[in-house]
Amino acid sequence: MNMAVIKTKNKQAIDELQAKLILRLGRKISQQETLDLCILNATNNFEDILQLASTIPKLSPEKAERIIKKFEAYADSYYNPEEKFDSSIDNDIYSL
């Protein structure tokens, strides 16, 4: 079996769902099984997932321009592992 690391902002929600399933089923259910059931449910209810996904904010042209300008400002900079940057840009990019 291949194992994948999946990062989610909803770790607590997955834990709570897993706990509810364990209580109702009366047996242990793994997080992998919980996620598999969620994927199966999402596949069977694709229109609902599509509707939910369409409400997620997109990267606006203004935010994109701001990110590009900051990138260009550091384009000729040397890598400095001690440097700290505002993580809001990462959030904008990786939450797309």
N, C-alpha and C. Protein backbone atom coordinates (compact mmCIF):
# COMPACT_ATOMS: atom_id res chain seq x y z
N MET A 1 0.85 -1.17 0.00
CA MET A 1 0.00 0.00 0.00
C MET A 1 0.90 1.24 0.00
N ASN A 2 0.60 2.19 -0.86
CA ASN A 2 1.33 3.45 -0.89
C ASN A 2 0.75 4.40 0.14
N MET A 3 1.63 5.03 0.88
CA MET A 3 1.19 6.00 1.88
C MET A 3 1.47 7.39 1.36
N ALA A 4 0.52 8.26 1.51
CA ALA A 4 0.68 9.64 1.09
C ALA A 4 0.45 10.55 2.29
N VAL A 5 1.19 11.63 2.31
CA VAL A 5 0.99 12.62 3.35
C VAL A 5 0.07 13.69 2.76
N ILE A 6 -1.03 13.91 3.42
CA ILE A 6 -1.99 14.90 2.96
C ILE A 6 -2.12 15.95 4.05
N LYS A 7 -1.88 17.19 3.66
CA LYS A 7 -2.02 18.29 4.62
C LYS A 7 -3.43 18.85 4.47
N THR A 8 -4.05 19.12 5.58
CA THR A 8 -5.40 19.67 5.56
C THR A 8 -5.56 20.70 6.67
N LYS A 9 -6.40 21.64 6.42
CA LYS A 9 -6.74 22.63 7.44
C LYS A 9 -7.81 22.07 8.37
N ASN A 10 -8.38 20.92 8.00
CA ASN A 10 -9.52 20.36 8.72
C ASN A 10 -9.16 19.10 9.51
N LYS A 11 -7.95 19.05 10.04
CA LYS A 11 -7.52 17.87 10.80
C LYS A 11 -8.47 17.59 11.97
N GLN A 12 -8.87 18.63 12.66
CA GLN A 12 -9.77 18.43 13.80
C GLN A 12 -11.11 17.88 13.33
N ALA A 13 -11.61 18.35 12.20
CA ALA A 13 -12.88 17.85 11.68
C ALA A 13 -12.78 16.37 11.31
N ILE A 14 -11.65 15.97 10.74
CA ILE A 14 -11.45 14.56 10.41
C ILE A 14 -11.41 13.72 11.68
N ASP A 15 -10.69 14.21 12.69
CA ASP A 15 -10.64 13.49 13.97
C ASP A 15 -12.03 13.34 14.58
N GLU A 16 -12.82 14.42 14.54
CA GLU A 16 -14.16 14.37 15.11
C GLU A 16 -15.06 13.42 14.32
N LEU A 17 -14.95 13.45 13.01
CA LEU A 17 -15.75 12.54 12.19
C LEU A 17 -15.36 11.09 12.46
N GLN A 18 -14.08 10.84 12.57
CA GLN A 18 -13.60 9.50 12.89
C GLN A 18 -14.16 9.04 14.24
N ALA A 19 -14.13 9.91 15.23
CA ALA A 19 -14.64 9.56 16.56
C ALA A 19 -16.14 9.26 16.51
N LYS A 20 -16.90 10.05 15.77
CA LYS A 20 -18.35 9.80 15.64
C LYS A 20 -18.61 8.45 14.97
N LEU A 21 -17.81 8.15 13.93
CA LEU A 21 -17.98 6.88 13.24
C LEU A 21 -17.67 5.71 14.19
N ILE A 22 -16.61 5.84 14.97
CA ILE A 22 -16.25 4.79 15.92
C ILE A 22 -17.37 4.56 16.93
N LEU A 23 -17.93 5.66 17.44
CA LEU A 23 -19.03 5.53 18.40
C LEU A 23 -20.25 4.86 17.79
N ARG A 24 -20.61 5.28 16.58
CA ARG A 24 -21.82 4.74 15.94
C ARG A 24 -21.63 3.31 15.44
N LEU A 25 -20.43 3.02 14.92
CA LEU A 25 -20.18 1.68 14.38
C LEU A 25 -19.85 0.68 15.48
N GLY A 26 -19.34 1.17 16.59
CA GLY A 26 -18.95 0.28 17.68
C GLY A 26 -17.66 -0.47 17.39
N ARG A 27 -16.88 0.04 16.47
CA ARG A 27 -15.58 -0.56 16.14
C ARG A 27 -14.62 0.53 15.70
N LYS A 28 -13.34 0.21 15.74
CA LYS A 28 -12.30 1.15 15.32
C LYS A 28 -12.36 1.35 13.81
N ILE A 29 -12.23 2.58 13.41
CA ILE A 29 -12.13 2.91 11.99
C ILE A 29 -10.95 3.87 11.85
N SER A 30 -10.08 3.59 10.91
CA SER A 30 -8.87 4.39 10.75
C SER A 30 -9.19 5.71 10.05
N GLN A 31 -8.23 6.64 10.14
CA GLN A 31 -8.40 7.90 9.41
C GLN A 31 -8.42 7.64 7.91
N GLN A 32 -7.63 6.66 7.46
CA GLN A 32 -7.62 6.33 6.03
C GLN A 32 -9.01 5.87 5.59
N GLU A 33 -9.63 5.00 6.39
CA GLU A 33 -10.99 4.54 6.06
C GLU A 33 -11.97 5.71 6.09
N THR A 34 -11.80 6.59 7.06
CA THR A 34 -12.67 7.77 7.17
C THR A 34 -12.54 8.64 5.93
N LEU A 35 -11.31 8.90 5.51
CA LEU A 35 -11.09 9.70 4.30
C LEU A 35 -11.61 8.99 3.05
N ASP A 36 -11.42 7.66 2.98
CA ASP A 36 -11.94 6.90 1.85
C ASP A 36 -13.45 7.01 1.75
N LEU A 37 -14.12 6.95 2.90
CA LEU A 37 -15.58 7.09 2.92
C LEU A 37 -16.00 8.50 2.47
N CYS A 38 -15.23 9.49 2.90
CA CYS A 38 -15.52 10.87 2.48
C CYS A 38 -15.37 11.02 0.97
N ILE A 39 -14.33 10.40 0.42
CA ILE A 39 -14.10 10.47 -1.03
C ILE A 39 -15.22 9.75 -1.77
N LEU A 40 -15.62 8.60 -1.27
CA LEU A 40 -16.72 7.86 -1.89
C LEU A 40 -18.00 8.70 -1.86
N ASN A 41 -18.27 9.31 -0.72
CA ASN A 41 -19.45 10.17 -0.60
C ASN A 41 -19.37 11.36 -1.55
N ALA A 42 -18.20 11.96 -1.64
CA ALA A 42 -18.02 13.11 -2.54
C ALA A 42 -18.21 12.70 -4.00
N THR A 43 -17.71 11.52 -4.34
CA THR A 43 -17.86 11.02 -5.70
C THR A 43 -19.33 10.78 -6.03
N ASN A 44 -20.06 10.24 -5.07
CA ASN A 44 -21.48 9.96 -5.28
C ASN A 44 -22.34 11.22 -5.24
N ASN A 45 -21.81 12.28 -4.68
CA ASN A 45 -22.54 13.54 -4.57
C ASN A 45 -21.74 14.68 -5.19
N PHE A 46 -21.29 14.45 -6.41
CA PHE A 46 -20.38 15.37 -7.08
C PHE A 46 -20.95 16.78 -7.20
N GLU A 47 -22.22 16.91 -7.49
CA GLU A 47 -22.81 18.24 -7.66
C GLU A 47 -22.72 19.05 -6.36
N ASP A 48 -22.89 18.38 -5.23
CA ASP A 48 -22.74 19.07 -3.94
C ASP A 48 -21.31 19.55 -3.75
N ILE A 49 -20.35 18.71 -4.11
CA ILE A 49 -18.93 19.08 -3.98
C ILE A 49 -18.61 20.23 -4.93
N LEU A 50 -19.14 20.18 -6.12
CA LEU A 50 -18.93 21.25 -7.10
C LEU A 50 -19.48 22.57 -6.56
N GLN A 51 -20.63 22.53 -5.96
CA GLN A 51 -21.23 23.74 -5.39
C GLN A 51 -20.36 24.28 -4.25
N LEU A 52 -19.89 23.40 -3.38
CA LEU A 52 -19.01 23.83 -2.29
C LEU A 52 -17.71 24.43 -2.84
N ALA A 53 -17.13 23.79 -3.82
CA ALA A 53 -15.86 24.25 -4.39
C ALA A 53 -16.01 25.60 -5.07
N SER A 54 -17.16 25.88 -5.61
CA SER A 54 -17.36 27.14 -6.32
C SER A 54 -17.46 28.33 -5.37
N THR A 55 -17.62 28.06 -4.08
CA THR A 55 -17.69 29.16 -3.11
C THR A 55 -16.33 29.51 -2.53
N ILE A 56 -15.30 28.72 -2.85
CA ILE A 56 -13.95 28.98 -2.35
C ILE A 56 -13.39 30.17 -3.12
N PRO A 57 -12.87 31.17 -2.40
CA PRO A 57 -12.38 32.36 -3.08
C PRO A 57 -11.20 32.05 -4.00
N LYS A 58 -11.19 32.75 -5.12
CA LYS A 58 -10.11 32.60 -6.09
C LYS A 58 -9.09 33.70 -5.86
N LEU A 59 -7.94 33.52 -6.42
CA LEU A 59 -6.91 34.54 -6.35
C LEU A 59 -7.33 35.68 -7.27
N SER A 60 -7.55 36.83 -6.69
CA SER A 60 -7.97 37.99 -7.48
C SER A 60 -6.79 38.51 -8.29
N PRO A 61 -7.06 39.20 -9.38
CA PRO A 61 -5.97 39.80 -10.16
C PRO A 61 -5.11 40.75 -9.33
N GLU A 62 -5.74 41.44 -8.38
CA GLU A 62 -4.98 42.36 -7.52
C GLU A 62 -4.00 41.61 -6.63
N LYS A 63 -4.47 40.51 -6.02
CA LYS A 63 -3.58 39.72 -5.19
C LYS A 63 -2.46 39.11 -6.02
N ALA A 64 -2.80 38.63 -7.19
CA ALA A 64 -1.79 38.04 -8.08
C ALA A 64 -0.73 39.07 -8.42
N GLU A 65 -1.13 40.27 -8.75
CA GLU A 65 -0.19 41.34 -9.08
C GLU A 65 0.70 41.67 -7.88
N ARG A 66 0.13 41.70 -6.70
CA ARG A 66 0.90 41.99 -5.49
C ARG A 66 1.94 40.90 -5.24
N ILE A 67 1.56 39.65 -5.45
CA ILE A 67 2.48 38.53 -5.27
C ILE A 67 3.62 38.60 -6.30
N ILE A 68 3.27 38.88 -7.53
CA ILE A 68 4.28 38.98 -8.59
C ILE A 68 5.26 40.10 -8.30
N LYS A 69 4.76 41.25 -7.85
CA LYS A 69 5.64 42.37 -7.54
C LYS A 69 6.60 42.03 -6.40
N LYS A 70 6.10 41.35 -5.37
CA LYS A 70 6.98 40.96 -4.26
C LYS A 70 8.02 39.96 -4.74
N PHE A 71 7.61 39.03 -5.59
CA PHE A 71 8.55 38.06 -6.14
C PHE A 71 9.64 38.77 -6.94
N GLU A 72 9.23 39.70 -7.79
CA GLU A 72 10.19 40.43 -8.61
C GLU A 72 11.14 41.27 -7.76
N ALA A 73 10.66 41.79 -6.64
CA ALA A 73 11.51 42.59 -5.76
C ALA A 73 12.63 41.75 -5.16
N TYR A 74 12.41 40.46 -4.98
CA TYR A 74 13.42 39.58 -4.40
C TYR A 74 14.11 38.70 -5.44
N ALA A 75 13.85 38.93 -6.71
CA ALA A 75 14.37 38.05 -7.76
C ALA A 75 15.89 37.98 -7.77
N ASP A 76 16.57 39.06 -7.48
CA ASP A 76 18.03 39.08 -7.51
C ASP A 76 18.66 38.87 -6.14
N SER A 77 17.88 38.52 -5.16
CA SER A 77 18.38 38.32 -3.80
C SER A 77 18.98 36.93 -3.66
N TYR A 78 19.99 36.85 -2.81
CA TYR A 78 20.57 35.56 -2.49
C TYR A 78 19.71 34.88 -1.43
N TYR A 79 19.73 33.56 -1.44
CA TYR A 79 18.96 32.80 -0.46
C TYR A 79 19.55 33.01 0.93
N ASN A 80 18.69 33.35 1.87
CA ASN A 80 19.12 33.53 3.25
C ASN A 80 18.15 32.75 4.14
N PRO A 81 18.58 31.62 4.68
CA PRO A 81 17.67 30.80 5.49
C PRO A 81 17.20 31.49 6.77
N GLU A 82 17.88 32.55 7.17
CA GLU A 82 17.50 33.28 8.37
C GLU A 82 16.41 34.32 8.10
N GLU A 83 16.19 34.64 6.84
CA GLU A 83 15.23 35.67 6.47
C GLU A 83 13.81 35.19 6.76
N LYS A 84 12.99 36.07 7.29
CA LYS A 84 11.58 35.75 7.56
C LYS A 84 10.71 36.58 6.63
N PHE A 85 9.71 35.94 6.06
CA PHE A 85 8.81 36.60 5.13
C PHE A 85 7.38 36.48 5.63
N ASP A 86 6.56 37.38 5.17
CA ASP A 86 5.14 37.36 5.49
C ASP A 86 4.52 36.12 4.87
N SER A 87 3.88 35.29 5.66
CA SER A 87 3.32 34.05 5.16
C SER A 87 1.96 34.23 4.50
N SER A 88 1.41 35.44 4.49
CA SER A 88 0.09 35.62 3.88
C SER A 88 0.15 35.33 2.38
N ILE A 89 1.29 35.59 1.75
CA ILE A 89 1.41 35.27 0.32
C ILE A 89 1.35 33.76 0.13
N ASP A 90 2.06 33.02 0.99
CA ASP A 90 1.98 31.55 0.90
C ASP A 90 0.54 31.09 1.06
N ASN A 91 -0.16 31.68 2.01
CA ASN A 91 -1.56 31.31 2.22
C ASN A 91 -2.38 31.60 0.97
N ASP A 92 -2.14 32.74 0.33
CA ASP A 92 -2.87 33.08 -0.89
C ASP A 92 -2.59 32.07 -2.00
N ILE A 93 -1.33 31.70 -2.13
CA ILE A 93 -0.95 30.78 -3.22
C ILE A 93 -1.41 29.37 -2.96
N TYR A 94 -1.11 28.85 -1.76
CA TYR A 94 -1.37 27.45 -1.49
C TYR A 94 -2.79 27.13 -1.10
N SER A 95 -3.59 28.14 -0.88
CA SER A 95 -5.00 27.88 -0.55
C SER A 95 -5.89 27.97 -1.78
N LEU A 96 -5.27 28.07 -2.94
CA LEU A 96 -6.07 28.13 -4.18
C LEU A 96 -6.70 26.79 -4.50
